[in-house]
């Protein structure tokens, strides 16, 4: 028997997918959470994104940047979910989130609330540009728009966030 069989190639691809998903799920979750502001919705977005990646893995793994493809798939899943979502949320008095050492949960909640006030596309731009540290051109490519549009969205969103955060914004950049 010479060469790899179809079954060997499929199991190798499956192994590569599992390695990728295990390594990147945390990063995708952080991006999703900052975009949507809801822990459970972020989990759903990442799960849906990973399912989409799995169904096309044979094609995706051949691309130059699987990470960029995954982020773009997550972004599109988020924007699609926002368009289709029905508002069935029920506000609760307390957020059940554990505190990380050296973290300021009140400040984080202020930032998440401020991000939540932005429209979904603007929020995605802010998260990708300033929290996930992508260039204007990279974000424009992910959103299929021009760099000028991303700059415009960034400027308007930053202005809105500055107005919302007021004095708290200085605390965001202290260590």
Protein backbone atom coordinates (compact mmCIF):
# COMPACT_ATOMS: atom_id res chain seq x y z
CA UNK A 1 0.00 0.00 0.00
CA UNK A 2 1.58 3.26 -1.15
CA UNK A 3 0.63 6.80 -0.12
CA UNK A 4 -2.08 7.98 2.18
CA UNK A 5 -5.60 6.70 1.86
CA UNK A 6 -8.69 8.89 1.93
CA UNK A 7 -9.37 7.81 5.52
CA UNK A 8 -5.84 8.81 6.58
CA UNK A 9 -6.22 12.26 5.02
CA UNK A 10 -9.61 12.74 6.69
CA UNK A 11 -8.29 11.75 10.12
CA UNK A 12 -5.25 14.04 9.67
CA UNK A 13 -7.57 16.93 8.72
CA UNK A 14 -9.79 16.17 11.71
CA UNK A 15 -6.76 16.16 14.01
CA UNK A 16 -5.59 19.50 12.57
CA UNK A 17 -9.08 20.95 13.09
CA UNK A 18 -9.16 19.79 16.73
CA UNK A 19 -5.72 21.30 17.34
CA UNK A 20 -6.77 24.59 15.78
CA UNK A 21 -10.09 24.73 17.64
CA UNK A 22 -8.46 23.89 20.97
CA UNK A 23 -5.75 26.51 20.52
CA UNK A 24 -7.98 29.34 19.25
CA UNK A 25 -11.31 28.87 21.05
CA UNK A 26 -10.25 31.09 23.98
CA UNK A 27 -9.17 33.94 21.73
CA UNK A 28 -12.33 33.66 19.63
CA UNK A 29 -14.41 33.67 22.82
CA UNK A 30 -12.75 36.87 24.09
CA UNK A 31 -13.44 38.61 20.78
CA UNK A 32 -17.03 37.36 20.72
CA UNK A 33 -17.64 38.41 24.32
CA UNK A 34 -16.33 41.91 23.74
CA UNK A 35 -18.49 42.24 20.63
CA UNK A 36 -21.76 40.99 22.12
CA UNK A 37 -21.26 41.66 25.84
CA UNK A 38 -23.01 38.45 26.91
CA UNK A 39 -21.16 35.37 28.16
CA UNK A 40 -23.68 32.82 26.88
CA UNK A 41 -24.19 34.53 23.54
CA UNK A 42 -20.40 34.62 23.08
CA UNK A 43 -20.24 30.87 23.73
CA UNK A 44 -22.99 30.34 21.14
CA UNK A 45 -21.20 32.54 18.62
CA UNK A 46 -17.91 30.67 19.04
CA UNK A 47 -19.65 27.30 18.83
CA UNK A 48 -21.48 28.33 15.65
CA UNK A 49 -18.27 29.74 14.18
CA UNK A 50 -16.32 26.56 14.95
CA UNK A 51 -19.11 24.45 13.45
CA UNK A 52 -18.92 26.51 10.26
CA UNK A 53 -15.14 26.10 10.19
CA UNK A 54 -15.46 22.35 10.72
CA UNK A 55 -17.88 21.92 7.84
CA UNK A 56 -15.44 23.65 5.47
CA UNK A 57 -12.17 22.62 7.09
CA UNK A 58 -10.86 20.73 4.03
CA UNK A 59 -10.97 24.01 2.09
CA UNK A 60 -10.05 26.41 4.91
CA UNK A 61 -6.87 24.61 5.99
CA UNK A 62 -5.40 25.29 2.56
CA UNK A 63 -5.82 29.06 2.95
CA UNK A 64 -2.91 31.28 3.94
CA UNK A 65 -4.34 32.46 7.25
CA UNK A 66 -6.74 30.16 9.03
CA UNK A 67 -6.79 32.60 11.98
CA UNK A 68 -7.96 35.47 9.81
CA UNK A 69 -10.60 33.22 8.23
CA UNK A 70 -11.83 32.20 11.70
CA UNK A 71 -12.05 35.81 12.91
CA UNK A 72 -13.93 36.83 9.79
CA UNK A 73 -16.31 33.88 10.21
CA UNK A 74 -16.87 34.90 13.84
CA UNK A 75 -17.50 38.50 12.84
CA UNK A 76 -20.01 37.50 10.17
CA UNK A 77 -21.70 35.08 12.57
CA UNK A 78 -22.01 37.89 15.12
CA UNK A 79 -23.42 40.39 12.62
CA UNK A 80 -25.81 37.79 11.21
CA UNK A 81 -26.91 36.81 14.71
CA UNK A 82 -27.57 40.48 15.54
CA UNK A 83 -29.79 40.86 12.49
CA UNK A 84 -31.78 37.70 13.27
CA UNK A 85 -31.89 38.00 17.04
CA UNK A 86 -35.12 38.51 18.87
CA UNK A 87 -34.84 40.44 22.09
CA UNK A 88 -35.84 37.82 24.63
CA UNK A 89 -33.31 38.87 27.22
CA UNK A 90 -34.33 39.37 30.81
CA UNK A 91 -32.23 41.81 32.85
CA UNK A 92 -30.85 40.50 36.14
CA UNK A 93 -29.78 42.40 39.24
CA UNK A 94 -26.32 40.82 39.50
CA UNK A 95 -23.83 39.55 36.96
CA UNK A 96 -22.57 36.06 37.88
CA UNK A 97 -18.95 36.48 36.81
CA UNK A 98 -15.85 35.53 38.74
CA UNK A 99 -13.21 38.16 39.40
CA UNK A 100 -9.74 37.70 37.97
CA UNK A 101 -6.82 38.65 40.22
CA UNK A 102 -5.77 42.29 39.74
CA UNK A 103 -8.88 43.03 37.73
CA UNK A 104 -11.40 45.81 38.25
CA UNK A 105 -14.83 44.29 37.58
CA UNK A 106 -16.70 47.59 37.95
CA UNK A 107 -14.55 49.21 35.31
CA UNK A 108 -14.92 46.21 33.01
CA UNK A 109 -18.70 46.43 33.34
CA UNK A 110 -18.58 50.14 32.50
CA UNK A 111 -16.57 49.38 29.36
CA UNK A 112 -18.84 46.50 28.32
CA UNK A 113 -21.91 48.68 28.87
CA UNK A 114 -20.37 51.46 26.80
CA UNK A 115 -19.49 49.02 24.00
CA UNK A 116 -23.04 47.61 24.14
CA UNK A 117 -24.43 51.07 23.41
CA UNK A 118 -22.73 51.06 20.00
CA UNK A 119 -24.41 49.55 16.94
CA UNK A 120 -23.14 46.00 16.21
CA UNK A 121 -20.94 46.96 13.26
CA UNK A 122 -19.36 49.86 15.15
CA UNK A 123 -18.78 47.63 18.18
CA UNK A 124 -17.11 45.03 15.96
CA UNK A 125 -14.79 47.71 14.54
CA UNK A 126 -13.85 48.93 18.02
CA UNK A 127 -13.16 45.43 19.33
CA UNK A 128 -11.12 44.38 16.30
CA UNK A 129 -9.18 47.65 16.07
CA UNK A 130 -8.43 48.47 19.68
CA UNK A 131 -8.88 45.31 21.71
CA UNK A 132 -7.75 42.66 19.22
CA UNK A 133 -5.15 45.08 17.73
CA UNK A 134 -5.85 44.76 14.00
CA UNK A 135 -4.87 47.40 11.48
CA UNK A 136 -7.44 49.59 9.73
CA UNK A 137 -6.78 47.69 6.50
CA UNK A 138 -7.25 44.29 8.17
CA UNK A 139 -10.58 45.32 9.71
CA UNK A 140 -11.69 46.79 6.39
CA UNK A 141 -10.90 43.46 4.74
CA UNK A 142 -12.85 41.53 7.39
CA UNK A 143 -15.89 43.78 6.95
CA UNK A 144 -15.57 44.05 3.17
CA UNK A 145 -15.41 47.84 3.24
CA UNK A 146 -12.85 50.58 2.69
CA UNK A 147 -10.22 51.73 5.18
CA UNK A 148 -11.79 55.21 5.05
CA UNK A 149 -15.11 53.75 6.25
CA UNK A 150 -13.35 51.98 9.12
CA UNK A 151 -11.59 55.22 10.11
CA UNK A 152 -14.91 57.07 10.04
CA UNK A 153 -16.65 54.41 12.13
CA UNK A 154 -13.71 54.39 14.56
CA UNK A 155 -13.77 58.15 15.00
CA UNK A 156 -17.54 58.32 15.55
CA UNK A 157 -17.46 55.36 17.93
CA UNK A 158 -14.51 56.72 19.92
CA UNK A 159 -16.30 60.05 20.27
CA UNK A 160 -19.42 58.28 21.52
CA UNK A 161 -17.42 56.09 23.94
CA UNK A 162 -15.52 59.09 25.31
CA UNK A 163 -18.81 60.86 25.98
CA UNK A 164 -20.27 57.78 27.68
CA UNK A 165 -17.22 56.93 29.78
CA UNK A 166 -16.46 60.46 30.94
CA UNK A 167 -14.06 60.35 33.90
CA UNK A 168 -13.91 56.53 33.88
CA UNK A 169 -11.99 56.43 30.61
CA UNK A 170 -8.75 57.51 32.32
CA UNK A 171 -9.00 54.48 34.61
CA UNK A 172 -9.09 52.12 31.61
CA UNK A 173 -5.48 52.85 30.77
CA UNK A 174 -3.95 52.69 34.24
CA UNK A 175 -2.11 49.55 35.28
